[in-house]
PDB file of all heavy atoms in Angstrom:
ATOM      1  N   VAL A   1      -6.136  -6.418   8.316  1.00  0.00           N
ATOM      2  CA  VAL A   1      -6.822  -7.181   7.251  1.00  0.00           C
ATOM      3  C   VAL A   1      -6.994  -6.245   6.049  1.00  0.00           C
ATOM      4  O   VAL A   1      -6.803  -6.600   4.877  1.00  0.00           O
ATOM      5  CB  VAL A   1      -8.167  -7.724   7.765  1.00  0.00           C
ATOM      6  CG1 VAL A   1      -8.944  -8.318   6.599  1.00  0.00           C
ATOM      7  CG2 VAL A   1      -7.977  -8.727   8.829  1.00  0.00           C
ATOM      8  N   ILE A   2      -7.362  -5.006   6.341  1.00  0.00           N
ATOM      9  CA  ILE A   2      -7.576  -4.074   5.256  1.00  0.00           C
ATOM     10  C   ILE A   2      -6.219  -3.802   4.536  1.00  0.00           C
ATOM     11  O   ILE A   2      -6.162  -3.634   3.256  1.00  0.00           O
ATOM     12  CB  ILE A   2      -8.115  -2.638   5.833  1.00  0.00           C
ATOM     13  CG1 ILE A   2      -9.547  -2.831   6.355  1.00  0.00           C
ATOM     14  CG2 ILE A   2      -8.081  -1.551   4.785  1.00  0.00           C
ATOM     15  CD1 ILE A   2     -10.133  -1.646   7.047  1.00  0.00           C
ATOM     16  N   LEU A   3      -5.101  -3.732   5.249  1.00  0.00           N
ATOM     17  CA  LEU A   3      -3.806  -3.609   4.579  1.00  0.00           C
ATOM     18  C   LEU A   3      -3.442  -4.799   3.703  1.00  0.00           C
ATOM     19  O   LEU A   3      -2.858  -4.596   2.666  1.00  0.00           O
ATOM     20  CB  LEU A   3      -2.703  -3.410   5.707  1.00  0.00           C
ATOM     21  CG  LEU A   3      -2.549  -2.041   6.294  1.00  0.00           C
ATOM     22  CD1 LEU A   3      -1.241  -1.979   7.132  1.00  0.00           C
ATOM     23  CD2 LEU A   3      -2.494  -0.953   5.258  1.00  0.00           C
ATOM     24  N   PHE A   4      -3.918  -5.984   4.094  1.00  0.00           N
ATOM     25  CA  PHE A   4      -3.717  -7.156   3.211  1.00  0.00           C
ATOM     26  C   PHE A   4      -4.498  -6.985   1.952  1.00  0.00           C
ATOM     27  O   PHE A   4      -4.032  -7.349   0.832  1.00  0.00           O
ATOM     28  CB  PHE A   4      -4.084  -8.411   4.016  1.00  0.00           C
ATOM     29  CG  PHE A   4      -2.969  -9.138   4.606  1.00  0.00           C
ATOM     30  CD1 PHE A   4      -2.609  -8.929   5.958  1.00  0.00           C
ATOM     31  CD2 PHE A   4      -2.222 -10.052   3.885  1.00  0.00           C
ATOM     32  CE1 PHE A   4      -1.517  -9.563   6.537  1.00  0.00           C
ATOM     33  CE2 PHE A   4      -1.145 -10.741   4.474  1.00  0.00           C
ATOM     34  CZ  PHE A   4      -0.828 -10.515   5.777  1.00  0.00           C
ATOM     35  N   LEU A   5      -5.796  -6.494   2.114  1.00  0.00           N
ATOM     36  CA  LEU A   5      -6.687  -6.433   0.926  1.00  0.00           C
ATOM     37  C   LEU A   5      -6.332  -5.252   0.062  1.00  0.00           C
ATOM     38  O   LEU A   5      -6.483  -5.253  -1.205  1.00  0.00           O
ATOM     39  CB  LEU A   5      -8.100  -6.306   1.422  1.00  0.00           C
ATOM     40  CG  LEU A   5      -8.692  -7.574   2.218  1.00  0.00           C
ATOM     41  CD1 LEU A   5     -10.077  -7.284   2.717  1.00  0.00           C
ATOM     42  CD2 LEU A   5      -8.645  -8.782   1.366  1.00  0.00           C
ATOM     43  N   ILE A   6      -5.882  -4.151   0.693  1.00  0.00           N
ATOM     44  CA  ILE A   6      -5.620  -2.919  -0.020  1.00  0.00           C
ATOM     45  C   ILE A   6      -4.231  -2.421   0.402  1.00  0.00           C
ATOM     46  O   ILE A   6      -4.043  -1.503   1.212  1.00  0.00           O
ATOM     47  CB  ILE A   6      -6.604  -1.771   0.238  1.00  0.00           C
ATOM     48  CG1 ILE A   6      -8.069  -2.371   0.115  1.00  0.00           C
ATOM     49  CG2 ILE A   6      -6.432  -0.627  -0.767  1.00  0.00           C
ATOM     50  CD1 ILE A   6      -9.134  -1.312   0.473  1.00  0.00           C
ATOM     51  N   PRO A   7      -3.166  -3.098  -0.130  1.00  0.00           N
ATOM     52  CA  PRO A   7      -1.761  -2.722   0.336  1.00  0.00           C
ATOM     53  C   PRO A   7      -1.376  -1.272  -0.074  1.00  0.00           C
ATOM     54  O   PRO A   7      -0.504  -0.710   0.513  1.00  0.00           O
ATOM     55  CB  PRO A   7      -0.896  -3.743  -0.382  1.00  0.00           C
ATOM     56  CG  PRO A   7      -1.765  -4.263  -1.529  1.00  0.00           C
ATOM     57  CD  PRO A   7      -3.118  -4.248  -1.066  1.00  0.00           C
ATOM     58  N   GLY A   8      -2.090  -0.726  -1.024  1.00  0.00           N
ATOM     59  CA  GLY A   8      -1.801   0.660  -1.392  1.00  0.00           C
ATOM     60  C   GLY A   8      -2.004   1.678  -0.350  1.00  0.00           C
ATOM     61  O   GLY A   8      -1.438   2.786  -0.403  1.00  0.00           O
ATOM     62  N   ILE A   9      -2.795   1.347   0.686  1.00  0.00           N
ATOM     63  CA  ILE A   9      -2.969   2.258   1.776  1.00  0.00           C
ATOM     64  C   ILE A   9      -1.584   2.592   2.393  1.00  0.00           C
ATOM     65  O   ILE A   9      -1.330   3.700   2.892  1.00  0.00           O
ATOM     66  CB  ILE A   9      -3.903   1.680   2.788  1.00  0.00           C
ATOM     67  CG1 ILE A   9      -5.291   1.604   2.260  1.00  0.00           C
ATOM     68  CG2 ILE A   9      -3.975   2.529   4.107  1.00  0.00           C
ATOM     69  CD1 ILE A   9      -6.360   0.906   3.158  1.00  0.00           C
ATOM     70  N   ALA A  10      -0.740   1.574   2.472  1.00  0.00           N
ATOM     71  CA  ALA A  10       0.606   1.774   3.033  1.00  0.00           C
ATOM     72  C   ALA A  10       1.685   2.169   2.023  1.00  0.00           C
ATOM     73  O   ALA A  10       2.631   2.874   2.322  1.00  0.00           O
ATOM     74  CB  ALA A  10       1.056   0.487   3.813  1.00  0.00           C
ATOM     75  N   THR A  11       1.499   1.737   0.813  1.00  0.00           N
ATOM     76  CA  THR A  11       2.544   1.914  -0.193  1.00  0.00           C
ATOM     77  C   THR A  11       2.359   3.147  -1.100  1.00  0.00           C
ATOM     78  O   THR A  11       3.320   3.591  -1.767  1.00  0.00           O
ATOM     79  CB  THR A  11       2.644   0.660  -1.143  1.00  0.00           C
ATOM     80  OG1 THR A  11       1.401   0.433  -1.790  1.00  0.00           O
ATOM     81  CG2 THR A  11       3.050  -0.593  -0.278  1.00  0.00           C
ATOM     82  N   TRP A  12       1.143   3.723  -1.092  1.00  0.00           N
ATOM     83  CA  TRP A  12       0.897   4.832  -1.994  1.00  0.00           C
ATOM     84  C   TRP A  12       1.760   6.053  -1.645  1.00  0.00           C
ATOM     85  O   TRP A  12       2.400   6.625  -2.545  1.00  0.00           O
ATOM     86  CB  TRP A  12      -0.574   5.240  -1.960  1.00  0.00           C
ATOM     87  CG  TRP A  12      -0.824   6.501  -2.724  1.00  0.00           C
ATOM     88  CD1 TRP A  12      -0.998   6.567  -4.143  1.00  0.00           C
ATOM     89  CD2 TRP A  12      -0.891   7.871  -2.270  1.00  0.00           C
ATOM     90  NE1 TRP A  12      -1.165   7.856  -4.498  1.00  0.00           N
ATOM     91  CE2 TRP A  12      -1.119   8.687  -3.414  1.00  0.00           C
ATOM     92  CE3 TRP A  12      -0.832   8.420  -1.001  1.00  0.00           C
ATOM     93  CZ2 TRP A  12      -1.204  10.058  -3.303  1.00  0.00           C
ATOM     94  CZ3 TRP A  12      -0.903   9.778  -0.902  1.00  0.00           C
ATOM     95  CH2 TRP A  12      -1.101  10.583  -1.996  1.00  0.00           C
ATOM     96  N   LEU A  13       1.777   6.489  -0.425  1.00  0.00           N
ATOM     97  CA  LEU A  13       2.485   7.705  -0.052  1.00  0.00           C
ATOM     98  C   LEU A  13       4.025   7.580  -0.272  1.00  0.00           C
ATOM     99  O   LEU A  13       4.608   8.489  -0.827  1.00  0.00           O
ATOM    100  CB  LEU A  13       2.212   8.064   1.407  1.00  0.00           C
ATOM    101  CG  LEU A  13       2.770   9.459   1.861  1.00  0.00           C
ATOM    102  CD1 LEU A  13       2.317  10.532   0.957  1.00  0.00           C
ATOM    103  CD2 LEU A  13       2.382   9.735   3.308  1.00  0.00           C
ATOM    104  N   PRO A  14       4.687   6.480   0.146  1.00  0.00           N
ATOM    105  CA  PRO A  14       6.122   6.341  -0.144  1.00  0.00           C
ATOM    106  C   PRO A  14       6.370   6.367  -1.680  1.00  0.00           C
ATOM    107  O   PRO A  14       7.381   7.005  -2.128  1.00  0.00           O
ATOM    108  CB  PRO A  14       6.455   4.963   0.431  1.00  0.00           C
ATOM    109  CG  PRO A  14       5.461   4.711   1.427  1.00  0.00           C
ATOM    110  CD  PRO A  14       4.178   5.364   0.971  1.00  0.00           C
ATOM    111  N   THR A  15       5.532   5.722  -2.451  1.00  0.00           N
ATOM    112  CA  THR A  15       5.709   5.716  -3.901  1.00  0.00           C
ATOM    113  C   THR A  15       5.555   7.147  -4.507  1.00  0.00           C
ATOM    114  O   THR A  15       6.311   7.571  -5.356  1.00  0.00           O
ATOM    115  CB  THR A  15       4.740   4.768  -4.626  1.00  0.00           C
ATOM    116  OG1 THR A  15       4.875   3.485  -4.035  1.00  0.00           O
ATOM    117  CG2 THR A  15       4.964   4.694  -6.139  1.00  0.00           C
ATOM    118  N   TYR A  16       4.541   7.828  -4.025  1.00  0.00           N
ATOM    119  CA  TYR A  16       4.287   9.190  -4.478  1.00  0.00           C
ATOM    120  C   TYR A  16       5.445  10.118  -4.139  1.00  0.00           C
ATOM    121  O   TYR A  16       5.865  10.894  -4.975  1.00  0.00           O
ATOM    122  CB  TYR A  16       3.018   9.685  -3.810  1.00  0.00           C
ATOM    123  CG  TYR A  16       2.743  11.190  -4.138  1.00  0.00           C
ATOM    124  CD1 TYR A  16       2.220  11.576  -5.355  1.00  0.00           C
ATOM    125  CD2 TYR A  16       3.030  12.168  -3.173  1.00  0.00           C
ATOM    126  CE1 TYR A  16       1.974  12.910  -5.633  1.00  0.00           C
ATOM    127  CE2 TYR A  16       2.807  13.518  -3.447  1.00  0.00           C
ATOM    128  CZ  TYR A  16       2.295  13.860  -4.675  1.00  0.00           C
ATOM    129  OH  TYR A  16       2.120  15.186  -4.922  1.00  0.00           O
ATOM    130  N   LEU A  17       5.986  10.017  -2.928  1.00  0.00           N
ATOM    131  CA  LEU A  17       7.109  10.904  -2.513  1.00  0.00           C
ATOM    132  C   LEU A  17       8.340  10.563  -3.352  1.00  0.00           C
ATOM    133  O   LEU A  17       9.060  11.439  -3.746  1.00  0.00           O
ATOM    134  CB  LEU A  17       7.402  10.716  -1.033  1.00  0.00           C
ATOM    135  CG  LEU A  17       6.311  11.216  -0.087  1.00  0.00           C
ATOM    136  CD1 LEU A  17       6.643  10.910   1.347  1.00  0.00           C
ATOM    137  CD2 LEU A  17       6.108  12.766  -0.242  1.00  0.00           C
ATOM    138  N   LYS A  18       8.584   9.259  -3.607  1.00  0.00           N
ATOM    139  CA  LYS A  18       9.727   8.899  -4.501  1.00  0.00           C
ATOM    140  C   LYS A  18       9.540   9.480  -5.873  1.00  0.00           C
ATOM    141  O   LYS A  18      10.515   9.944  -6.451  1.00  0.00           O
ATOM    142  CB  LYS A  18       9.865   7.385  -4.518  1.00  0.00           C
ATOM    143  CG  LYS A  18      10.487   6.728  -3.284  1.00  0.00           C
ATOM    144  CD  LYS A  18      10.672   5.236  -3.464  1.00  0.00           C
ATOM    145  CE  LYS A  18      11.346   4.639  -2.263  1.00  0.00           C
ATOM    146  NZ  LYS A  18      11.517   3.124  -2.485  1.00  0.00           N
ATOM    147  N   THR A  19       8.353   9.330  -6.420  1.00  0.00           N
ATOM    148  CA  THR A  19       8.141   9.829  -7.800  1.00  0.00           C
ATOM    149  C   THR A  19       8.276  11.312  -7.851  1.00  0.00           C
ATOM    150  O   THR A  19       8.927  11.885  -8.773  1.00  0.00           O
ATOM    151  CB  THR A  19       6.678   9.475  -8.214  1.00  0.00           C
ATOM    152  OG1 THR A  19       6.493   8.027  -8.170  1.00  0.00           O
ATOM    153  CG2 THR A  19       6.421   9.897  -9.668  1.00  0.00           C
ATOM    154  N   ALA A  20       7.789  12.070  -6.836  1.00  0.00           N
ATOM    155  CA  ALA A  20       7.909  13.500  -6.817  1.00  0.00           C
ATOM    156  C   ALA A  20       9.354  13.892  -6.696  1.00  0.00           C
ATOM    157  O   ALA A  20       9.788  14.884  -7.383  1.00  0.00           O
ATOM    158  CB  ALA A  20       7.088  14.040  -5.638  1.00  0.00           C
ATOM    159  N   LYS A  21      10.104  13.141  -5.882  1.00  0.00           N
ATOM    160  CA  LYS A  21      11.527  13.460  -5.683  1.00  0.00           C
ATOM    161  C   LYS A  21      12.318  13.196  -6.992  1.00  0.00           C
ATOM    162  O   LYS A  21      13.163  13.997  -7.428  1.00  0.00           O
ATOM    163  CB  LYS A  21      12.118  12.633  -4.562  1.00  0.00           C
ATOM    164  CG  LYS A  21      13.549  13.063  -4.181  1.00  0.00           C
ATOM    165  CD  LYS A  21      14.036  12.291  -3.018  1.00  0.00           C
ATOM    166  CE  LYS A  21      15.392  12.687  -2.573  1.00  0.00           C
ATOM    167  NZ  LYS A  21      15.905  11.981  -1.352  1.00  0.00           N
ATOM    168  N   THR A  22      12.013  12.116  -7.706  1.00  0.00           N
ATOM    169  CA  THR A  22      12.626  11.782  -8.957  1.00  0.00           C
ATOM    170  C   THR A  22      12.363  12.825 -10.024  1.00  0.00           C
ATOM    171  O   THR A  22      13.219  13.283 -10.818  1.00  0.00           O
ATOM    172  CB  THR A  22      12.145  10.395  -9.467  1.00  0.00           C
ATOM    173  OG1 THR A  22      12.450   9.408  -8.481  1.00  0.00           O
ATOM    174  CG2 THR A  22      12.853  10.000 -10.730  1.00  0.00           C
ATOM    175  N   GLU A  23      11.070  13.261 -10.092  1.00  0.00           N
ATOM    176  CA  GLU A  23      10.707  14.350 -11.041  1.00  0.00           C
ATOM    177  C   GLU A  23      11.414  15.658 -10.728  1.00  0.00           C
ATOM    178  O   GLU A  23      11.864  16.368 -11.639  1.00  0.00           O
ATOM    179  CB  GLU A  23       9.201  14.560 -10.998  1.00  0.00           C
ATOM    180  CG  GLU A  23       8.395  13.376 -11.565  1.00  0.00           C
ATOM    181  CD  GLU A  23       6.902  13.664 -11.549  1.00  0.00           C
ATOM    182  OE1 GLU A  23       6.531  14.664 -10.941  1.00  0.00           O
ATOM    183  OE2 GLU A  23       6.154  12.798 -12.064  1.00  0.00           O
ATOM    184  N   GLN A  24      11.580  15.918  -9.442  1.00  0.00           N
ATOM    185  CA  GLN A  24      12.315  17.194  -9.060  1.00  0.00           C
ATOM    186  C   GLN A  24      13.751  17.127  -9.483  1.00  0.00           C
ATOM    187  O   GLN A  24      14.293  18.078 -10.002  1.00  0.00           O
ATOM    188  CB  GLN A  24      12.142  17.408  -7.536  1.00  0.00           C
ATOM    189  CG  GLN A  24      12.869  18.653  -7.099  1.00  0.00           C
ATOM    190  CD  GLN A  24      12.714  18.889  -5.593  1.00  0.00           C
ATOM    191  OE1 GLN A  24      12.250  17.949  -4.822  1.00  0.00           O
ATOM    192  NE2 GLN A  24      13.173  19.973  -5.057  1.00  0.00           N
ATOM    193  N   ILE A  25      14.394  15.979  -9.242  1.00  0.00           N
ATOM    194  CA  ILE A  25      15.760  15.777  -9.634  1.00  0.00           C
ATOM    195  C   ILE A  25      15.896  15.875 -11.155  1.00  0.00           C
ATOM    196  O   ILE A  25      16.894  16.515 -11.709  1.00  0.00           O
ATOM    197  CB  ILE A  25      16.328  14.424  -9.156  1.00  0.00           C
ATOM    198  CG1 ILE A  25      16.353  14.429  -7.604  1.00  0.00           C
ATOM    199  CG2 ILE A  25      17.658  14.133  -9.735  1.00  0.00           C
ATOM    200  CD1 ILE A  25      16.763  13.038  -6.997  1.00  0.00           C
ATOM    201  N   HIS A  26      14.930  15.304 -11.871  1.00  0.00           N
ATOM    202  CA  HIS A  26      14.943  15.378 -13.337  1.00  0.00           C
ATOM    203  C   HIS A  26      14.822  16.819 -13.827  1.00  0.00           C
ATOM    204  O   HIS A  26      15.588  17.227 -14.750  1.00  0.00           O
ATOM    205  CB  HIS A  26      13.841  14.534 -13.913  1.00  0.00           C
ATOM    206  CG  HIS A  26      13.687  14.536 -15.413  1.00  0.00           C
ATOM    207  ND1 HIS A  26      14.669  13.980 -16.264  1.00  0.00           N
ATOM    208  CD2 HIS A  26      12.786  15.065 -16.240  1.00  0.00           C
ATOM    209  CE1 HIS A  26      14.345  14.198 -17.514  1.00  0.00           C
ATOM    210  NE2 HIS A  26      13.245  14.856 -17.521  1.00  0.00           N
ATOM    211  N   ASN A  27      13.917  17.561 -13.204  1.00  0.00           N
ATOM    212  CA  ASN A  27      13.732  18.949 -13.612  1.00  0.00           C
ATOM    213  C   ASN A  27      14.899  19.789 -13.326  1.00  0.00           C
ATOM    214  O   ASN A  27      15.335  20.620 -14.092  1.00  0.00           O
ATOM    215  CB  ASN A  27      12.506  19.545 -12.870  1.00  0.00           C
ATOM    216  CG  ASN A  27      11.207  18.924 -13.366  1.00  0.00           C
ATOM    217  OD1 ASN A  27      11.096  18.390 -14.411  1.00  0.00           O
ATOM    218  ND2 ASN A  27      10.170  18.910 -12.463  1.00  0.00           N
ATOM    219  N   ASN A  28      15.582  19.544 -12.132  1.00  0.00           N
ATOM    220  CA  ASN A  28      16.805  20.269 -11.783  1.00  0.00           C
ATOM    221  C   ASN A  28      17.926  19.945 -12.758  1.00  0.00           C
ATOM    222  O   ASN A  28      18.696  20.884 -13.121  1.00  0.00           O
ATOM    223  CB  ASN A  28      17.161  19.927 -10.380  1.00  0.00           C
ATOM    224  CG  ASN A  28      16.219  20.429  -9.296  1.00  0.00           C
ATOM    225  OD1 ASN A  28      15.485  21.386  -9.540  1.00  0.00           O
ATOM    226  ND2 ASN A  28      16.224  19.876  -8.138  1.00  0.00           N
ATOM    227  N   THR A  29      17.997  18.698 -13.154  1.00  0.00           N
ATOM    228  CA  THR A  29      19.021  18.324 -14.128  1.00  0.00           C
ATOM    229  C   THR A  29      18.812  19.057 -15.503  1.00  0.00           C
ATOM    230  O   THR A  29      19.765  19.495 -16.107  1.00  0.00           O
ATOM    231  CB  THR A  29      18.974  16.791 -14.339  1.00  0.00           C
ATOM    232  OG1 THR A  29      19.164  16.124 -13.139  1.00  0.00           O
ATOM    233  CG2 THR A  29      20.117  16.335 -15.262  1.00  0.00           C
ATOM    234  N   GLN A  30      17.545  19.132 -15.936  1.00  0.00           N
ATOM    235  CA  GLN A  30      17.246  19.785 -17.142  1.00  0.00           C
ATOM    236  C   GLN A  30      17.601  21.267 -17.070  1.00  0.00           C
ATOM    237  O   GLN A  30      18.127  21.821 -18.048  1.00  0.00           O
ATOM    238  CB  GLN A  30      15.770  19.650 -17.499  1.00  0.00           C
ATOM    239  CG  GLN A  30      15.372  18.241 -17.987  1.00  0.00           C
ATOM    240  CD  GLN A  30      13.911  18.143 -18.411  1.00  0.00           C
ATOM    241  OE1 GLN A  30      13.069  18.851 -17.870  1.00  0.00           O
ATOM    242  NE2 GLN A  30      13.652  17.333 -19.361  1.00  0.00           N
ATOM    243  N   GLU A  31      17.352  21.920 -15.878  1.00  0.00           N
ATOM    244  CA  GLU A  31      17.648  23.273 -15.686  1.00  0.00           C
ATOM    245  C   GLU A  31      19.139  23.528 -15.769  1.00  0.00           C
ATOM    246  O   GLU A  31      19.611  24.472 -16.382  1.00  0.00           O
ATOM    247  CB  GLU A  31      17.089  23.841 -14.415  1.00  0.00           C
ATOM    248  CG  GLU A  31      15.591  23.856 -14.355  1.00  0.00           C
ATOM    249  CD  GLU A  31      15.047  24.330 -13.016  1.00  0.00           C
ATOM    250  OE1 GLU A  31      15.881  24.642 -12.151  1.00  0.00           O
ATOM    251  OE2 GLU A  31      13.841  24.397 -12.806  1.00  0.00           O
ATOM    252  N   VAL A  32      19.913  22.642 -15.162  1.00  0.00           N
ATOM    253  CA  VAL A  32      21.358  22.743 -15.149  1.00  0.00           C
ATOM    254  C   VAL A  32      21.914  22.604 -16.545  1.00  0.00           C
ATOM    255  O   VAL A  32      22.793  23.365 -16.980  1.00  0.00           O
ATOM    256  CB  VAL A  32      21.975  21.695 -14.190  1.00  0.00           C
ATOM    257  CG1 VAL A  32      23.532  21.643 -14.380  1.00  0.00           C
ATOM    258  CG2 VAL A  32      21.622  21.982 -12.719  1.00  0.00           C
ATOM    259  N   ASP A  33      21.370  21.627 -17.301  1.00  0.00           N
ATOM    260  CA  ASP A  33      21.813  21.416 -18.675  1.00  0.00           C
ATOM    261  C   ASP A  33      21.454  22.657 -19.570  1.00  0.00           C
ATOM    262  O   ASP A  33      22.314  23.025 -20.398  1.00  0.00           O
ATOM    263  CB  ASP A  33      21.075  20.217 -19.249  1.00  0.00           C
ATOM    264  CG  ASP A  33      21.609  18.873 -18.622  1.00  0.00           C
ATOM    265  OD1 ASP A  33      22.702  18.887 -18.054  1.00  0.00           O
ATOM    266  OD2 ASP A  33      20.877  17.896 -18.739  1.00  0.00           O
ATOM    267  N   PHE A  34      20.352  23.246 -19.305  1.00  0.00           N
ATOM    268  CA  PHE A  34      19.947  24.444 -20.158  1.00  0.00           C
ATOM    269  C   PHE A  34      20.885  25.596 -19.783  1.00  0.00           C
ATOM    270  O   PHE A  34      21.372  26.288 -20.747  1.00  0.00           O
ATOM    271  CB  PHE A  34      18.515  24.823 -19.801  1.00  0.00           C
ATOM    272  CG  PHE A  34      18.082  26.122 -20.407  1.00  0.00           C
ATOM    273  CD1 PHE A  34      17.787  26.188 -21.750  1.00  0.00           C
ATOM    274  CD2 PHE A  34      18.042  27.238 -19.617  1.00  0.00           C
ATOM    275  CE1 PHE A  34      17.432  27.406 -22.316  1.00  0.00           C
ATOM    276  CE2 PHE A  34      17.683  28.468 -20.183  1.00  0.00           C
ATOM    277  CZ  PHE A  34      17.345  28.554 -21.538  1.00  0.00           C
TER     278      PHE A  34
END
């Protein structure tokens, strides 16, 4: 029931890890371009 009311309990960590991975790839790309 809590997951229904607050779905972010399950979705926050996957979203955070994806965002962190995307930022890391972006930073690596910028370093390669430099």
